[in-house]
Amino acid sequence: MTQIRIETLTKEAFAPYGEVVEADGAKEIPINQGYAVRRNGLGTVDIATNSGDVNISLFVAQPRPMPIKVEVMERHPDGSQLFYPLQDRDWLVVVCTDPHKTESYRAFLATGQQGVNYARNVWHHPLLVLDADSRFFIVDRKGPGANLEEIFLDAAQALYLENPPTGVTS
């Protein structure tokens, strides 16, 4: 069984695949008469291709059986796709440069304080959560064209994620 090692999600490690979306390190701007703080520029939404428009949605996801089998990868040729958790629960991110090359896969453990914005055309696994009813705020593209390409790996190509680090709920 081929396993993918899970790394800690950092801006530097994830840069080839898109952006890590997190408030840490962002400049705070007081707003609403000082009763709120705004942090701008956390991510860049890319939707302009082929007359696209912004789509905002909510996903509620369930955990997959352990060990997590990687058997499908997807990408979006016409725009980026941003995922941000709505609760403080760890979750997993799997990306690759070529779904047919095992060595190109990377897996990251994201905290409930981190989102990701997959860049246009970046291969990634569909949403992977470790807890039931995990809610995510999604910003992506809607509009004409086929903005989803999926590849299903055959049994011989399927990969497995190593077990999440100790302390992560499942």
Protein backbone atom coordinates (compact mmCIF):
# COMPACT_ATOMS: atom_id res chain seq x y z
CA MET A 1 0.00 0.00 0.00
CA THR A 2 1.47 3.36 -1.06
CA GLN A 3 1.01 6.05 1.57
CA ILE A 4 1.20 9.82 1.34
CA ARG A 5 2.86 11.50 4.33
CA ILE A 6 0.81 14.31 5.92
CA GLU A 7 2.69 17.60 6.35
CA THR A 8 1.79 20.71 8.33
CA LEU A 9 0.07 23.29 6.11
CA THR A 10 2.20 26.42 5.67
CA LYS A 11 2.05 29.26 3.18
CA GLU A 12 5.49 28.38 1.84
CA ALA A 13 4.82 24.65 1.39
CA PHE A 14 1.43 25.23 -0.28
CA ALA A 15 2.53 28.13 -2.56
CA PRO A 16 2.94 25.96 -5.72
CA TYR A 17 -0.75 24.96 -5.44
CA GLY A 18 -2.42 28.21 -4.39
CA GLU A 19 -2.82 30.22 -1.20
CA VAL A 20 -3.23 29.41 2.48
CA VAL A 21 -6.05 31.61 3.76
CA GLU A 22 -5.56 32.62 7.38
CA ALA A 23 -5.88 35.74 9.50
CA ASP A 24 -2.51 35.26 11.23
CA GLY A 25 -0.12 37.95 10.08
CA ALA A 26 -2.76 40.03 8.28
CA LYS A 27 -2.96 43.75 9.06
CA GLU A 28 -5.90 44.58 11.33
CA ILE A 29 -8.08 47.55 10.35
CA PRO A 30 -10.54 48.80 13.00
CA ILE A 31 -14.07 49.21 11.55
CA ASN A 32 -17.66 49.67 12.75
CA GLN A 33 -16.80 52.40 15.25
CA GLY A 34 -14.11 50.18 16.79
CA TYR A 35 -16.40 47.19 17.48
CA ALA A 36 -14.90 45.02 14.78
CA VAL A 37 -11.61 44.36 13.04
CA ARG A 38 -11.21 43.74 9.32
CA ARG A 39 -8.33 41.77 7.78
CA ASN A 40 -8.14 42.34 4.03
CA GLY A 41 -6.32 40.48 1.30
CA LEU A 42 -6.49 36.96 2.73
CA GLY A 43 -6.91 35.39 -0.72
CA THR A 44 -7.32 36.23 -4.40
CA VAL A 45 -10.37 34.78 -6.13
CA ASP A 46 -9.72 34.01 -9.82
CA ILE A 47 -13.04 33.76 -11.71
CA ALA A 48 -12.77 36.02 -14.77
CA THR A 49 -12.19 33.35 -17.43
CA ASN A 50 -15.04 32.70 -19.86
CA SER A 51 -17.41 35.33 -18.36
CA GLY A 52 -17.33 33.80 -14.89
CA ASP A 53 -18.93 35.22 -11.77
CA VAL A 54 -18.34 34.71 -8.04
CA ASN A 55 -20.16 31.79 -6.43
CA ILE A 56 -20.43 31.66 -2.64
CA SER A 57 -21.63 28.42 -1.07
CA LEU A 58 -21.66 26.35 2.10
CA PHE A 59 -20.52 22.72 2.19
CA VAL A 60 -21.31 20.31 5.03
CA ALA A 61 -18.92 17.38 4.82
CA GLN A 62 -18.59 13.96 6.44
CA PRO A 63 -15.36 12.03 7.14
CA ARG A 64 -14.31 9.23 4.81
CA PRO A 65 -13.40 5.77 6.15
CA MET A 66 -9.88 5.35 7.54
CA PRO A 67 -7.39 4.86 6.10
CA ILE A 68 -8.38 7.54 3.59
CA LYS A 69 -8.06 6.21 0.05
CA VAL A 70 -7.08 8.69 -2.65
CA GLU A 71 -8.89 7.49 -5.75
CA VAL A 72 -10.16 10.68 -7.40
CA MET A 73 -8.54 14.02 -8.12
CA GLU A 74 -10.12 17.12 -9.61
CA ARG A 75 -9.18 20.53 -10.95
CA HIS A 76 -10.94 23.66 -12.14
CA PRO A 77 -9.57 25.08 -15.42
CA ASP A 78 -11.60 28.33 -15.34
CA GLY A 79 -11.00 29.59 -11.81
CA SER A 80 -9.69 29.18 -8.31
CA GLN A 81 -11.60 27.46 -5.49
CA LEU A 82 -11.35 28.72 -1.90
CA PHE A 83 -12.31 26.58 1.13
CA TYR A 84 -12.52 28.07 4.64
CA PRO A 85 -13.68 26.06 7.69
CA LEU A 86 -16.46 27.49 9.84
CA GLN A 87 -15.39 25.68 13.00
CA ASP A 88 -12.05 25.09 14.69
CA ARG A 89 -11.46 21.51 13.49
CA ASP A 90 -8.40 20.11 11.73
CA TRP A 91 -8.93 18.90 8.15
CA LEU A 92 -6.84 17.52 5.28
CA VAL A 93 -5.68 18.90 1.93
CA VAL A 94 -4.30 16.66 -0.85
CA VAL A 95 -2.75 18.10 -4.03
CA CYS A 96 -0.54 16.90 -6.86
CA THR A 97 1.03 18.12 -10.06
CA ASP A 98 0.21 14.96 -12.01
CA PRO A 99 -2.45 12.50 -10.76
CA HIS A 100 -0.67 9.62 -12.50
CA LYS A 101 2.68 10.21 -10.72
CA THR A 102 2.70 9.04 -7.10
CA GLU A 103 5.74 11.15 -6.29
CA SER A 104 3.89 14.38 -7.17
CA TYR A 105 1.30 14.02 -4.37
CA ARG A 106 1.42 16.06 -1.17
CA ALA A 107 -0.94 15.98 1.81
CA PHE A 108 -1.31 18.73 4.41
CA LEU A 109 -2.96 18.95 7.81
CA ALA A 110 -4.84 22.26 8.03
CA THR A 111 -6.09 23.72 11.28
CA GLY A 112 -9.61 25.04 11.73
CA GLN A 113 -8.04 28.50 11.45
CA GLN A 114 -6.69 27.86 7.93
CA GLY A 115 -8.38 27.71 4.57
CA VAL A 116 -6.92 27.09 1.14
CA ASN A 117 -7.46 28.72 -2.21
CA TYR A 118 -6.59 26.18 -4.92
CA ALA A 119 -5.15 28.01 -7.92
CA ARG A 120 -6.69 27.49 -11.33
CA ASN A 121 -5.84 24.05 -12.80
CA VAL A 122 -4.35 22.65 -9.57
CA TRP A 123 -5.16 18.97 -9.04
CA HIS A 124 -6.68 18.40 -5.60
CA HIS A 125 -8.74 15.82 -3.77
CA PRO A 126 -12.36 16.68 -2.94
CA LEU A 127 -12.90 18.04 0.58
CA LEU A 128 -11.45 15.79 3.32
CA VAL A 129 -12.68 16.29 6.87
CA LEU A 130 -11.97 14.42 10.09
CA ASP A 131 -15.21 15.25 11.95
CA ALA A 132 -18.88 14.78 11.09
CA ASP A 133 -20.89 17.75 9.85
CA SER A 134 -17.83 19.91 9.15
CA ARG A 135 -18.98 23.17 7.55
CA PHE A 136 -16.98 25.16 4.99
CA PHE A 137 -17.47 28.52 3.30
CA ILE A 138 -16.59 28.18 -0.41
CA VAL A 139 -15.79 30.92 -2.94
CA ASP A 140 -15.36 29.78 -6.52
CA ARG A 141 -16.46 30.40 -10.07
CA LYS A 142 -19.87 29.98 -11.64
CA GLY A 143 -20.76 30.60 -15.25
CA PRO A 144 -20.50 29.08 -18.70
CA GLY A 145 -18.05 26.34 -19.54
CA ALA A 146 -16.99 23.12 -17.88
CA ASN A 147 -15.03 24.19 -14.80
CA LEU A 148 -14.53 20.70 -13.38
CA GLU A 149 -12.20 17.96 -14.60
CA GLU A 150 -12.01 14.72 -12.62
CA ILE A 151 -9.65 11.77 -12.85
CA PHE A 152 -10.55 8.48 -11.19
CA LEU A 153 -7.54 6.35 -10.35
CA ASP A 154 -7.77 2.62 -10.95
CA ALA A 155 -7.17 0.23 -8.05
CA ALA A 156 -3.48 -0.17 -8.93
CA GLN A 157 -2.97 3.63 -8.79
CA ALA A 158 -4.93 4.30 -5.58
CA LEU A 159 -2.98 5.84 -2.72
CA TYR A 160 -3.67 6.07 1.01
CA LEU A 161 -3.05 8.87 3.46
CA GLU A 162 -1.03 8.02 6.51
CA ASN A 163 -3.12 8.23 9.66
CA PRO A 164 -3.62 11.82 10.82
CA PRO A 165 -1.33 12.93 13.66
CA THR A 166 -2.25 12.01 17.23
CA GLY A 167 -4.76 14.34 18.80
CA VAL A 168 -6.79 14.79 15.63
CA THR A 169 -10.35 13.58 15.98
CA SER A 170 -11.92 11.31 13.39
